[in-house]
Amino acid sequence: MSHTSNEASVVKNFWPKLKKSLASIPFAEEVVASYYCAFDPATPLKVKGILLAALAYFIMPIDVIPDFILGLGFTDDMAVLYTAISLIRSHMTQAHRDRAKETLEKLRAEIVESS
């Protein structure tokens, strides 16, 4: 997958996938911070490419370990994301993390309200 197709796929599918699986993934804040870092204009192109590839893997409907398997389903997604983050750690800012935390609080509140 190229950088452009990863970006298009992430833009289209990221938020629906996150909302659907929010309760199941303990690393949601890292996922959303990665999203914000990837789409930050100040983020270098190479870093964006790494993050978009990891985020594209997160939203792919077919995984090495299917997401619906309780306890294991997101372990491959987590491994891919944490590997990507370890490679680009210096580019993920506190602002990305703060924005991710705020976004997740809003999403969780929306989910509770709609239940």
PDB file of N, CA and C in Angstrom:
ATOM      1  N   MET A   1       0.845  -1.175   0.000  1.00  0.00           N
ATOM      2  CA  MET A   1       0.000   0.000   0.000  1.00  0.00           C
ATOM      3  C   MET A   1       0.890   1.238   0.000  1.00  0.00           C
ATOM      4  N   SER A   2       0.588   2.193  -0.803  1.00  0.00           N
ATOM      5  CA  SER A   2       1.387   3.413  -0.868  1.00  0.00           C
ATOM      6  C   SER A   2       0.951   4.387   0.220  1.00  0.00           C
ATOM      7  N   HIS A   3       1.775   5.402   0.430  1.00  0.00           N
ATOM      8  CA  HIS A   3       1.476   6.438   1.420  1.00  0.00           C
ATOM      9  C   HIS A   3       0.113   7.070   1.135  1.00  0.00           C
ATOM     10  N   THR A   4      -0.170   7.357  -0.135  1.00  0.00           N
ATOM     11  CA  THR A   4      -1.419   8.004  -0.519  1.00  0.00           C
ATOM     12  C   THR A   4      -2.622   7.105  -0.252  1.00  0.00           C
ATOM     13  N   SER A   5      -2.514   5.830  -0.598  1.00  0.00           N
ATOM     14  CA  SER A   5      -3.656   4.938  -0.361  1.00  0.00           C
ATOM     15  C   SER A   5      -3.828   4.662   1.129  1.00  0.00           C
ATOM     16  N   ASN A   6      -2.721   4.595   1.892  1.00  0.00           N
ATOM     17  CA  ASN A   6      -2.840   4.454   3.347  1.00  0.00           C
ATOM     18  C   ASN A   6      -3.563   5.662   3.934  1.00  0.00           C
ATOM     19  N   GLU A   7      -3.181   6.839   3.471  1.00  0.00           N
ATOM     20  CA  GLU A   7      -3.797   8.057   3.988  1.00  0.00           C
ATOM     21  C   GLU A   7      -5.292   8.079   3.679  1.00  0.00           C
ATOM     22  N   ALA A   8      -5.676   7.756   2.471  1.00  0.00           N
ATOM     23  CA  ALA A   8      -7.090   7.745   2.090  1.00  0.00           C
ATOM     24  C   ALA A   8      -7.867   6.716   2.913  1.00  0.00           C
ATOM     25  N   SER A   9      -7.278   5.561   3.105  1.00  0.00           N
ATOM     26  CA  SER A   9      -7.926   4.509   3.882  1.00  0.00           C
ATOM     27  C   SER A   9      -8.093   4.925   5.343  1.00  0.00           C
ATOM     28  N   VAL A  10      -7.070   5.527   5.917  1.00  0.00           N
ATOM     29  CA  VAL A  10      -7.145   5.969   7.309  1.00  0.00           C
ATOM     30  C   VAL A  10      -8.180   7.074   7.460  1.00  0.00           C
ATOM     31  N   VAL A  11      -8.171   8.051   6.564  1.00  0.00           N
ATOM     32  CA  VAL A  11      -9.146   9.147   6.633  1.00  0.00           C
ATOM     33  C   VAL A  11     -10.571   8.598   6.581  1.00  0.00           C
ATOM     34  N   LYS A  12     -10.810   7.638   5.712  1.00  0.00           N
ATOM     35  CA  LYS A  12     -12.160   7.098   5.519  1.00  0.00           C
ATOM     36  C   LYS A  12     -12.607   6.186   6.665  1.00  0.00           C
ATOM     37  N   ASN A  13     -11.705   5.343   7.171  1.00  0.00           N
ATOM     38  CA  ASN A  13     -12.127   4.260   8.065  1.00  0.00           C
ATOM     39  C   ASN A  13     -11.697   4.376   9.519  1.00  0.00           C
ATOM     40  N   PHE A  14     -10.848   5.328   9.856  1.00  0.00           N
ATOM     41  CA  PHE A  14     -10.290   5.382  11.208  1.00  0.00           C
ATOM     42  C   PHE A  14     -11.343   5.573  12.288  1.00  0.00           C
ATOM     43  N   TRP A  15     -12.136   6.633  12.186  1.00  0.00           N
ATOM     44  CA  TRP A  15     -13.083   6.948  13.262  1.00  0.00           C
ATOM     45  C   TRP A  15     -14.172   5.893  13.418  1.00  0.00           C
ATOM     46  N   PRO A  16     -14.753   5.367  12.335  1.00  0.00           N
ATOM     47  CA  PRO A  16     -15.744   4.294  12.519  1.00  0.00           C
ATOM     48  C   PRO A  16     -15.156   3.057  13.212  1.00  0.00           C
ATOM     49  N   LYS A  17     -13.924   2.671  12.831  1.00  0.00           N
ATOM     50  CA  LYS A  17     -13.276   1.506  13.448  1.00  0.00           C
ATOM     51  C   LYS A  17     -13.005   1.780  14.923  1.00  0.00           C
ATOM     52  N   LEU A  18     -12.527   2.967  15.246  1.00  0.00           N
ATOM     53  CA  LEU A  18     -12.232   3.304  16.633  1.00  0.00           C
ATOM     54  C   LEU A  18     -13.497   3.275  17.476  1.00  0.00           C
ATOM     55  N   LYS A  19     -14.575   3.894  16.989  1.00  0.00           N
ATOM     56  CA  LYS A  19     -15.833   3.905  17.748  1.00  0.00           C
ATOM     57  C   LYS A  19     -16.351   2.491  17.975  1.00  0.00           C
ATOM     58  N   LYS A  20     -16.221   1.652  16.953  1.00  0.00           N
ATOM     59  CA  LYS A  20     -16.708   0.273  17.046  1.00  0.00           C
ATOM     60  C   LYS A  20     -15.915  -0.536  18.070  1.00  0.00           C
ATOM     61  N   SER A  21     -14.625  -0.286  18.183  1.00  0.00           N
ATOM     62  CA  SER A  21     -13.772  -1.126  19.025  1.00  0.00           C
ATOM     63  C   SER A  21     -13.251  -0.417  20.265  1.00  0.00           C
ATOM     64  N   LEU A  22     -13.740   0.768  20.565  1.00  0.00           N
ATOM     65  CA  LEU A  22     -13.208   1.569  21.662  1.00  0.00           C
ATOM     66  C   LEU A  22     -13.185   0.825  22.992  1.00  0.00           C
ATOM     67  N   ALA A  23     -14.221   0.107  23.299  1.00  0.00           N
ATOM     68  CA  ALA A  23     -14.282  -0.605  24.576  1.00  0.00           C
ATOM     69  C   ALA A  23     -13.305  -1.781  24.637  1.00  0.00           C
ATOM     70  N   SER A  24     -12.862  -2.258  23.491  1.00  0.00           N
ATOM     71  CA  SER A  24     -12.023  -3.448  23.434  1.00  0.00           C
ATOM     72  C   SER A  24     -10.523  -3.183  23.417  1.00  0.00           C
ATOM     73  N   ILE A  25     -10.128  -1.946  23.158  1.00  0.00           N
ATOM     74  CA  ILE A  25      -8.694  -1.701  22.998  1.00  0.00           C
ATOM     75  C   ILE A  25      -8.141  -0.823  24.120  1.00  0.00           C
ATOM     76  N   PRO A  26      -7.225  -1.371  24.892  1.00  0.00           N
ATOM     77  CA  PRO A  26      -6.644  -0.609  25.999  1.00  0.00           C
ATOM     78  C   PRO A  26      -5.641   0.454  25.539  1.00  0.00           C
ATOM     79  N   PHE A  27      -5.262   0.422  24.275  1.00  0.00           N
ATOM     80  CA  PHE A  27      -4.263   1.356  23.762  1.00  0.00           C
ATOM     81  C   PHE A  27      -4.886   2.431  22.870  1.00  0.00           C
ATOM     82  N   ALA A  28      -6.153   2.751  23.106  1.00  0.00           N
ATOM     83  CA  ALA A  28      -6.885   3.709  22.276  1.00  0.00           C
ATOM     84  C   ALA A  28      -6.219   5.081  22.257  1.00  0.00           C
ATOM     85  N   GLU A  29      -5.704   5.514  23.396  1.00  0.00           N
ATOM     86  CA  GLU A  29      -5.075   6.840  23.440  1.00  0.00           C
ATOM     87  C   GLU A  29      -3.853   6.896  22.514  1.00  0.00           C
ATOM     88  N   GLU A  30      -3.088   5.824  22.450  1.00  0.00           N
ATOM     89  CA  GLU A  30      -1.930   5.772  21.559  1.00  0.00           C
ATOM     90  C   GLU A  30      -2.371   5.781  20.093  1.00  0.00           C
ATOM     91  N   VAL A  31      -3.456   5.099  19.800  1.00  0.00           N
ATOM     92  CA  VAL A  31      -3.971   5.054  18.430  1.00  0.00           C
ATOM     93  C   VAL A  31      -4.379   6.456  17.980  1.00  0.00           C
ATOM     94  N   VAL A  32      -5.135   7.146  18.814  1.00  0.00           N
ATOM     95  CA  VAL A  32      -5.624   8.474  18.444  1.00  0.00           C
ATOM     96  C   VAL A  32      -4.473   9.483  18.407  1.00  0.00           C
ATOM     97  N   ALA A  33      -3.535   9.399  19.344  1.00  0.00           N
ATOM     98  CA  ALA A  33      -2.366  10.293  19.307  1.00  0.00           C
ATOM     99  C   ALA A  33      -1.568  10.055  18.030  1.00  0.00           C
ATOM    100  N   SER A  34      -1.473   8.812  17.607  1.00  0.00           N
ATOM    101  CA  SER A  34      -0.782   8.493  16.350  1.00  0.00           C
ATOM    102  C   SER A  34      -1.508   9.112  15.162  1.00  0.00           C
ATOM    103  N   TYR A  35      -2.825   9.071  15.191  1.00  0.00           N
ATOM    104  CA  TYR A  35      -3.628   9.689  14.133  1.00  0.00           C
ATOM    105  C   TYR A  35      -3.330  11.186  14.058  1.00  0.00           C
ATOM    106  N   TYR A  36      -3.380  11.853  15.204  1.00  0.00           N
ATOM    107  CA  TYR A  36      -3.137  13.296  15.212  1.00  0.00           C
ATOM    108  C   TYR A  36      -1.707  13.635  14.796  1.00  0.00           C
ATOM    109  N   CYS A  37      -0.755  12.834  15.192  1.00  0.00           N
ATOM    110  CA  CYS A  37       0.626  13.046  14.780  1.00  0.00           C
ATOM    111  C   CYS A  37       0.765  12.864  13.266  1.00  0.00           C
ATOM    112  N   ALA A  38       0.130  11.835  12.730  1.00  0.00           N
ATOM    113  CA  ALA A  38       0.222  11.548  11.295  1.00  0.00           C
ATOM    114  C   ALA A  38      -0.356  12.672  10.443  1.00  0.00           C
ATOM    115  N   PHE A  39      -1.376  13.353  10.946  1.00  0.00           N
ATOM    116  CA  PHE A  39      -2.023  14.413  10.173  1.00  0.00           C
ATOM    117  C   PHE A  39      -1.609  15.824  10.602  1.00  0.00           C
ATOM    118  N   ASP A  40      -0.599  15.909  11.444  1.00  0.00           N
ATOM    119  CA  ASP A  40      -0.045  17.196  11.849  1.00  0.00           C
ATOM    120  C   ASP A  40       0.857  17.709  10.729  1.00  0.00           C
ATOM    121  N   PRO A  41       0.617  18.917  10.224  1.00  0.00           N
ATOM    122  CA  PRO A  41       1.453  19.443   9.136  1.00  0.00           C
ATOM    123  C   PRO A  41       2.944  19.548   9.505  1.00  0.00           C
ATOM    124  N   ALA A  42       3.252  19.629  10.796  1.00  0.00           N
ATOM    125  CA  ALA A  42       4.642  19.732  11.235  1.00  0.00           C
ATOM    126  C   ALA A  42       5.361  18.384  11.275  1.00  0.00           C
ATOM    127  N   THR A  43       4.623  17.306  11.123  1.00  0.00           N
ATOM    128  CA  THR A  43       5.221  15.973  11.168  1.00  0.00           C
ATOM    129  C   THR A  43       5.933  15.679   9.856  1.00  0.00           C
ATOM    130  N   PRO A  44       7.196  15.224   9.928  1.00  0.00           N
ATOM    131  CA  PRO A  44       7.939  14.902   8.689  1.00  0.00           C
ATOM    132  C   PRO A  44       7.259  13.787   7.883  1.00  0.00           C
ATOM    133  N   LEU A  45       7.445  13.836   6.590  1.00  0.00           N
ATOM    134  CA  LEU A  45       6.799  12.887   5.681  1.00  0.00           C
ATOM    135  C   LEU A  45       7.115  11.426   6.021  1.00  0.00           C
ATOM    136  N   LYS A  46       8.351  11.127   6.350  1.00  0.00           N
ATOM    137  CA  LYS A  46       8.738   9.751   6.695  1.00  0.00           C
ATOM    138  C   LYS A  46       7.969   9.262   7.924  1.00  0.00           C
ATOM    139  N   VAL A  47       7.826  10.124   8.915  1.00  0.00           N
ATOM    140  CA  VAL A  47       7.090   9.781  10.136  1.00  0.00           C
ATOM    141  C   VAL A  47       5.619   9.554   9.809  1.00  0.00           C
ATOM    142  N   LYS A  48       5.044  10.441   8.977  1.00  0.00           N
ATOM    143  CA  LYS A  48       3.654  10.270   8.547  1.00  0.00           C
ATOM    144  C   LYS A  48       3.468   8.915   7.871  1.00  0.00           C
ATOM    145  N   GLY A  49       4.401   8.547   7.000  1.00  0.00           N
ATOM    146  CA  GLY A  49       4.307   7.269   6.296  1.00  0.00           C
ATOM    147  C   GLY A  49       4.302   6.091   7.247  1.00  0.00           C
ATOM    148  N   ILE A  50       5.178   6.121   8.240  1.00  0.00           N
ATOM    149  CA  ILE A  50       5.246   5.035   9.230  1.00  0.00           C
ATOM    150  C   ILE A  50       3.934   4.947  10.001  1.00  0.00           C
ATOM    151  N   LEU A  51       3.453   6.092  10.471  1.00  0.00           N
ATOM    152  CA  LEU A  51       2.207   6.088  11.253  1.00  0.00           C
ATOM    153  C   LEU A  51       0.999   5.707  10.416  1.00  0.00           C
ATOM    154  N   LEU A  52       0.928   6.207   9.196  1.00  0.00           N
ATOM    155  CA  LEU A  52      -0.215   5.857   8.339  1.00  0.00           C
ATOM    156  C   LEU A  52      -0.226   4.371   8.021  1.00  0.00           C
ATOM    157  N   ALA A  53       0.935   3.769   7.846  1.00  0.00           N
ATOM    158  CA  ALA A  53       0.988   2.318   7.613  1.00  0.00           C
ATOM    159  C   ALA A  53       0.476   1.561   8.835  1.00  0.00           C
ATOM    160  N   ALA A  54       0.889   1.984  10.027  1.00  0.00           N
ATOM    161  CA  ALA A  54       0.425   1.326  11.256  1.00  0.00           C
ATOM    162  C   ALA A  54      -1.073   1.531  11.459  1.00  0.00           C
ATOM    163  N   LEU A  55      -1.559   2.743  11.199  1.00  0.00           N
ATOM    164  CA  LEU A  55      -2.990   3.016  11.348  1.00  0.00           C
ATOM    165  C   LEU A  55      -3.810   2.270  10.293  1.00  0.00           C
ATOM    166  N   ALA A  56      -3.262   2.139   9.100  1.00  0.00           N
ATOM    167  CA  ALA A  56      -3.952   1.371   8.053  1.00  0.00           C
ATOM    168  C   ALA A  56      -4.081  -0.082   8.479  1.00  0.00           C
ATOM    169  N   TYR A  57      -3.048  -0.623   9.113  1.00  0.00           N
ATOM    170  CA  TYR A  57      -3.125  -1.998   9.623  1.00  0.00           C
ATOM    171  C   TYR A  57      -4.212  -2.094  10.690  1.00  0.00           C
ATOM    172  N   PHE A  58      -4.298  -1.093  11.554  1.00  0.00           N
ATOM    173  CA  PHE A  58      -5.316  -1.076  12.610  1.00  0.00           C
ATOM    174  C   PHE A  58      -6.725  -1.148  12.036  1.00  0.00           C
ATOM    175  N   ILE A  59      -6.975  -0.454  10.932  1.00  0.00           N
ATOM    176  CA  ILE A  59      -8.337  -0.408  10.397  1.00  0.00           C
ATOM    177  C   ILE A  59      -8.636  -1.503   9.382  1.00  0.00           C
ATOM    178  N   MET A  60      -7.606  -2.267   8.982  1.00  0.00           N
ATOM    179  CA  MET A  60      -7.838  -3.340   7.998  1.00  0.00           C
ATOM    180  C   MET A  60      -8.844  -4.353   8.537  1.00  0.00           C
ATOM    181  N   PRO A  61      -9.780  -4.766   7.706  1.00  0.00           N
ATOM    182  CA  PRO A  61     -10.769  -5.747   8.163  1.00  0.00           C
ATOM    183  C   PRO A  61     -10.188  -7.157   8.326  1.00  0.00           C
ATOM    184  N   ILE A  62      -9.070  -7.436   7.688  1.00  0.00           N
ATOM    185  CA  ILE A  62      -8.445  -8.762   7.791  1.00  0.00           C
ATOM    186  C   ILE A  62      -7.111  -8.587   8.508  1.00  0.00           C
ATOM    187  N   ASP A  63      -6.935  -9.314   9.613  1.00  0.00           N
ATOM    188  CA  ASP A  63      -5.729  -9.225  10.429  1.00  0.00           C
ATOM    189  C   ASP A  63      -5.063 -10.585  10.536  1.00  0.00           C
ATOM    190  N   VAL A  64      -3.827 -10.565  11.020  1.00  0.00           N
ATOM    191  CA  VAL A  64      -3.138 -11.809  11.339  1.00  0.00           C
ATOM    192  C   VAL A  64      -3.916 -12.520  12.436  1.00  0.00           C
ATOM    193  N   ILE A  65      -4.321 -11.755  13.461  1.00  0.00           N
ATOM    194  CA  ILE A  65      -5.177 -12.270  14.536  1.00  0.00           C
ATOM    195  C   ILE A  65      -6.481 -11.486  14.452  1.00  0.00           C
ATOM    196  N   PRO A  66      -7.590 -12.123  14.081  1.00  0.00           N
ATOM    197  CA  PRO A  66      -8.860 -11.398  13.932  1.00  0.00           C
ATOM    198  C   PRO A  66      -9.246 -10.646  15.212  1.00  0.00           C
ATOM    199  N   ASP A  67      -9.734  -9.417  15.036  1.00  0.00           N
ATOM    200  CA  ASP A  67     -10.043  -8.540  16.164  1.00  0.00           C
ATOM    201  C   ASP A  67     -11.125  -9.090  17.085  1.00  0.00           C
ATOM    202  N   PHE A  68     -11.987  -9.958  16.604  1.00  0.00           N
ATOM    203  CA  PHE A  68     -13.089 -10.443  17.429  1.00  0.00           C
ATOM    204  C   PHE A  68     -12.668 -11.508  18.433  1.00  0.00           C
ATOM    205  N   ILE A  69     -11.446 -12.008  18.363  1.00  0.00           N
ATOM    206  CA  ILE A  69     -10.983 -13.032  19.307  1.00  0.00           C
ATOM    207  C   ILE A  69     -10.680 -12.350  20.641  1.00  0.00           C
ATOM    208  N   LEU A  70     -11.486 -12.641  21.647  1.00  0.00           N
ATOM    209  CA  LEU A  70     -11.393 -11.998  22.951  1.00  0.00           C
ATOM    210  C   LEU A  70     -10.014 -12.213  23.567  1.00  0.00           C
ATOM    211  N   GLY A  71      -9.406 -11.134  23.997  1.00  0.00           N
ATOM    212  CA  GLY A  71      -8.118 -11.219  24.671  1.00  0.00           C
ATOM    213  C   GLY A  71      -6.919 -11.214  23.741  1.00  0.00           C
ATOM    214  N   LEU A  72      -7.095 -11.611  22.503  1.00  0.00           N
ATOM    215  CA  LEU A  72      -5.970 -11.672  21.570  1.00  0.00           C
ATOM    216  C   LEU A  72      -6.161 -10.812  20.334  1.00  0.00           C
ATOM    217  N   GLY A  73      -7.381 -10.468  20.026  1.00  0.00           N
ATOM    218  CA  GLY A  73      -7.715  -9.855  18.744  1.00  0.00           C
ATOM    219  C   GLY A  73      -6.966  -8.603  18.369  1.00  0.00           C
ATOM    220  N   PHE A  74      -6.607  -7.799  19.348  1.00  0.00           N
ATOM    221  CA  PHE A  74      -5.924  -6.552  19.021  1.00  0.00           C
ATOM    222  C   PHE A  74      -4.430  -6.601  19.335  1.00  0.00           C
ATOM    223  N   THR A  75      -3.902  -7.774  19.701  1.00  0.00           N
ATOM    224  CA  THR A  75      -2.485  -7.841  20.056  1.00  0.00           C
ATOM    225  C   THR A  75      -1.584  -7.565  18.854  1.00  0.00           C
ATOM    226  N   ASP A  76      -1.976  -8.029  17.683  1.00  0.00           N
ATOM    227  CA  ASP A  76      -1.151  -7.740  16.498  1.00  0.00           C
ATOM    228  C   ASP A  76      -1.216  -6.259  16.144  1.00  0.00           C
ATOM    229  N   ASP A  77      -2.395  -5.657  16.266  1.00  0.00           N
ATOM    230  CA  ASP A  77      -2.546  -4.224  16.004  1.00  0.00           C
ATOM    231  C   ASP A  77      -1.670  -3.417  16.976  1.00  0.00           C
ATOM    232  N   MET A  78      -1.714  -3.831  18.244  1.00  0.00           N
ATOM    233  CA  MET A  78      -0.936  -3.151  19.268  1.00  0.00           C
ATOM    234  C   MET A  78       0.565  -3.278  18.991  1.00  0.00           C
ATOM    235  N   ALA A  79       1.003  -4.454  18.591  1.00  0.00           N
ATOM    236  CA  ALA A  79       2.427  -4.661  18.291  1.00  0.00           C
ATOM    237  C   ALA A  79       2.884  -3.785  17.131  1.00  0.00           C
ATOM    238  N   VAL A  80       2.076  -3.711  16.089  1.00  0.00           N
ATOM    239  CA  VAL A  80       2.416  -2.882  14.926  1.00  0.00           C
ATOM    240  C   VAL A  80       2.467  -1.412  15.335  1.00  0.00           C
ATOM    241  N   LEU A  81       1.463  -0.967  16.085  1.00  0.00           N
ATOM    242  CA  LEU A  81       1.406   0.435  16.487  1.00  0.00           C
ATOM    243  C   LEU A  81       2.564   0.795  17.413  1.00  0.00           C
ATOM    244  N   TYR A  82       2.837  -0.038  18.411  1.00  0.00           N
ATOM    245  CA  TYR A  82       3.922   0.283  19.341  1.00  0.00           C
ATOM    246  C   TYR A  82       5.287   0.248  18.655  1.00  0.00           C
ATOM    247  N   THR A  83       5.449  -0.612  17.674  1.00  0.00           N
ATOM    248  CA  THR A  83       6.695  -0.610  16.898  1.00  0.00           C
ATOM    249  C   THR A  83       6.834   0.707  16.143  1.00  0.00           C
ATOM    250  N   ALA A  84       5.751   1.136  15.519  1.00  0.00           N
ATOM    251  CA  ALA A  84       5.770   2.410  14.792  1.00  0.00           C
ATOM    252  C   ALA A  84       6.072   3.568  15.736  1.00  0.00           C
ATOM    253  N   ILE A  85       5.417   3.580  16.884  1.00  0.00           N
ATOM    254  CA  ILE A  85       5.629   4.666  17.845  1.00  0.00           C
ATOM    255  C   ILE A  85       7.068   4.671  18.346  1.00  0.00           C
ATOM    256  N   SER A  86       7.635   3.496  18.569  1.00  0.00           N
ATOM    257  CA  SER A  86       9.023   3.460  19.040  1.00  0.00           C
ATOM    258  C   SER A  86       9.977   4.047  18.001  1.00  0.00           C
ATOM    259  N   LEU A  87       9.614   3.932  16.726  1.00  0.00           N
ATOM    260  CA  LEU A  87      10.455   4.484  15.663  1.00  0.00           C
ATOM    261  C   LEU A  87      10.331   6.009  15.537  1.00  0.00           C
ATOM    262  N   ILE A  88       9.185   6.548  15.936  1.00  0.00           N
ATOM    263  CA  ILE A  88       8.931   7.980  15.705  1.00  0.00           C
ATOM    264  C   ILE A  88       8.702   8.752  17.009  1.00  0.00           C
ATOM    265  N   ARG A  89       9.021   8.151  18.123  1.00  0.00           N
ATOM    266  CA  ARG A  89       8.693   8.698  19.453  1.00  0.00           C
ATOM    267  C   ARG A  89       8.965  10.195  19.597  1.00  0.00           C
ATOM    268  N   SER A  90      10.055  10.668  19.087  1.00  0.00           N
ATOM    269  CA  SER A  90      10.416  12.079  19.271  1.00  0.00           C
ATOM    270  C   SER A  90       9.488  13.040  18.516  1.00  0.00           C
ATOM    271  N   HIS A  91       8.696  12.521  17.595  1.00  0.00           N
ATOM    272  CA  HIS A  91       7.796  13.379  16.812  1.00  0.00           C
ATOM    273  C   HIS A  91       6.373  13.420  17.375  1.00  0.00           C
ATOM    274  N   MET A  92       6.060  12.509  18.288  1.00  0.00           N
ATOM    275  CA  MET A  92       4.728  12.517  18.892  1.00  0.00           C
ATOM    276  C   MET A  92       4.789  13.449  20.105  1.00  0.00           C
ATOM    277  N   THR A  93       4.074  14.534  20.029  1.00  0.00           N
ATOM    278  CA  THR A  93       4.163  15.572  21.053  1.00  0.00           C
ATOM    279  C   THR A  93       3.105  15.399  22.137  1.00  0.00           C
ATOM    280  N   GLN A  94       3.299  16.156  23.218  1.00  0.00           N
ATOM    281  CA  GLN A  94       2.303  16.162  24.285  1.00  0.00           C
ATOM    282  C   GLN A  94       0.975  16.719  23.763  1.00  0.00           C
ATOM    283  N   ALA A  95       1.038  17.629  22.801  1.00  0.00           N
ATOM    284  CA  ALA A  95      -0.189  18.175  22.204  1.00  0.00           C
ATOM    285  C   ALA A  95      -0.990  17.077  21.500  1.00  0.00           C
ATOM    286  N   HIS A  96      -0.299  16.158  20.813  1.00  0.00           N
ATOM    287  CA  HIS A  96      -0.991  15.031  20.165  1.00  0.00           C
ATOM    288  C   HIS A  96      -1.662  14.162  21.222  1.00  0.00           C
ATOM    289  N   ARG A  97      -0.945  13.889  22.304  1.00  0.00           N
ATOM    290  CA  ARG A  97      -1.483  13.039  23.383  1.00  0.00           C
ATOM    291  C   ARG A  97      -2.656  13.722  24.094  1.00  0.00           C
ATOM    292  N   ASP A  98      -2.525  15.014  24.360  1.00  0.00           N
ATOM    293  CA  ASP A  98      -3.611  15.752  25.025  1.00  0.00           C
ATOM    294  C   ASP A  98      -4.867  15.781  24.163  1.00  0.00           C
ATOM    295  N   ARG A  99      -4.680  16.024  22.867  1.00  0.00           N
ATOM    296  CA  ARG A  99      -5.827  16.049  21.949  1.00  0.00           C
ATOM    297  C   ARG A  99      -6.478  14.670  21.875  1.00  0.00           C
ATOM    298  N   ALA A 100      -5.663  13.619  21.889  1.00  0.00           N
ATOM    299  CA  ALA A 100      -6.199  12.249  21.870  1.00  0.00           C
ATOM    300  C   ALA A 100      -7.025  11.981  23.115  1.00  0.00           C
ATOM    301  N   LYS A 101      -6.515  12.387  24.254  1.00  0.00           N
ATOM    302  CA  LYS A 101      -7.241  12.172  25.511  1.00  0.00           C
ATOM    303  C   LYS A 101      -8.587  12.894  25.500  1.00  0.00           C
ATOM    304  N   GLU A 102      -8.590  14.147  25.051  1.00  0.00           N
ATOM    305  CA  GLU A 102      -9.837  14.924  24.967  1.00  0.00           C
ATOM    306  C   GLU A 102     -10.824  14.265  24.002  1.00  0.00           C
ATOM    307  N   THR A 103     -10.336  13.822  22.868  1.00  0.00           N
ATOM    308  CA  THR A 103     -11.192  13.186  21.861  1.00  0.00           C
ATOM    309  C   THR A 103     -11.808  11.910  22.416  1.00  0.00           C
ATOM    310  N   LEU A 104     -11.010  11.102  23.092  1.00  0.00           N
ATOM    311  CA  LEU A 104     -11.529   9.846  23.645  1.00  0.00           C
ATOM    312  C   LEU A 104     -12.567  10.096  24.733  1.00  0.00           C
ATOM    313  N   GLU A 105     -12.354  11.118  25.541  1.00  0.00           N
ATOM    314  CA  GLU A 105     -13.353  11.456  26.563  1.00  0.00           C
ATOM    315  C   GLU A 105     -14.686  11.815  25.903  1.00  0.00           C
ATOM    316  N   LYS A 106     -14.626  12.589  24.814  1.00  0.00           N
ATOM    317  CA  LYS A 106     -15.847  12.961  24.083  1.00  0.00           C
ATOM    318  C   LYS A 106     -16.504  11.738  23.455  1.00  0.00           C
ATOM    319  N   LEU A 107     -15.703  10.872  22.825  1.00  0.00           N
ATOM    320  CA  LEU A 107     -16.257   9.665  22.193  1.00  0.00           C
ATOM    321  C   LEU A 107     -16.916   8.757  23.224  1.00  0.00           C
ATOM    322  N   ARG A 108     -16.269   8.577  24.352  1.00  0.00           N
ATOM    323  CA  ARG A 108     -16.836   7.720  25.408  1.00  0.00           C
ATOM    324  C   ARG A 108     -18.141   8.312  25.933  1.00  0.00           C
ATOM    325  N   ALA A 109     -18.199   9.632  26.072  1.00  0.00           N
ATOM    326  CA  ALA A 109     -19.424  10.290  26.523  1.00  0.00           C
ATOM    327  C   ALA A 109     -20.544  10.103  25.505  1.00  0.00           C
ATOM    328  N   GLU A 110     -20.211  10.195  24.207  1.00  0.00           N
ATOM    329  CA  GLU A 110     -21.207   9.975  23.151  1.00  0.00           C
ATOM    330  C   GLU A 110     -21.736   8.550  23.197  1.00  0.00           C
ATOM    331  N   ILE A 111     -20.854   7.600  23.437  1.00  0.00           N
ATOM    332  CA  ILE A 111     -21.263   6.194  23.487  1.00  0.00           C
ATOM    333  C   ILE A 111     -22.202   5.967  24.667  1.00  0.00           C
ATOM    334  N   VAL A 112     -21.879   6.544  25.819  1.00  0.00           N
ATOM    335  CA  VAL A 112     -22.724   6.406  26.998  1.00  0.00           C
ATOM    336  C   VAL A 112     -24.090   7.041  26.760  1.00  0.00           C
ATOM    337  N   GLU A 113     -24.109   8.224  26.156  1.00  0.00           N
ATOM    338  CA  GLU A 113     -25.370   8.913  25.880  1.00  0.00           C
ATOM    339  C   GLU A 113     -26.255   8.145  24.912  1.00  0.00           C
ATOM    340  N   SER A 114     -25.633   7.479  23.942  1.00  0.00           N
ATOM    341  CA  SER A 114     -26.423   6.760  22.941  1.00  0.00           C
ATOM    342  C   SER A 114     -26.851   5.379  23.408  1.00  0.00           C
ATOM    343  N   SER A 115     -26.369   4.946  24.563  1.00  0.00           N
ATOM    344  CA  SER A 115     -26.731   3.603  25.075  1.00  0.00           C
ATOM    345  C   SER A 115     -28.072   3.620  25.760  1.00  0.00           C
TER     346      SER A 115
END
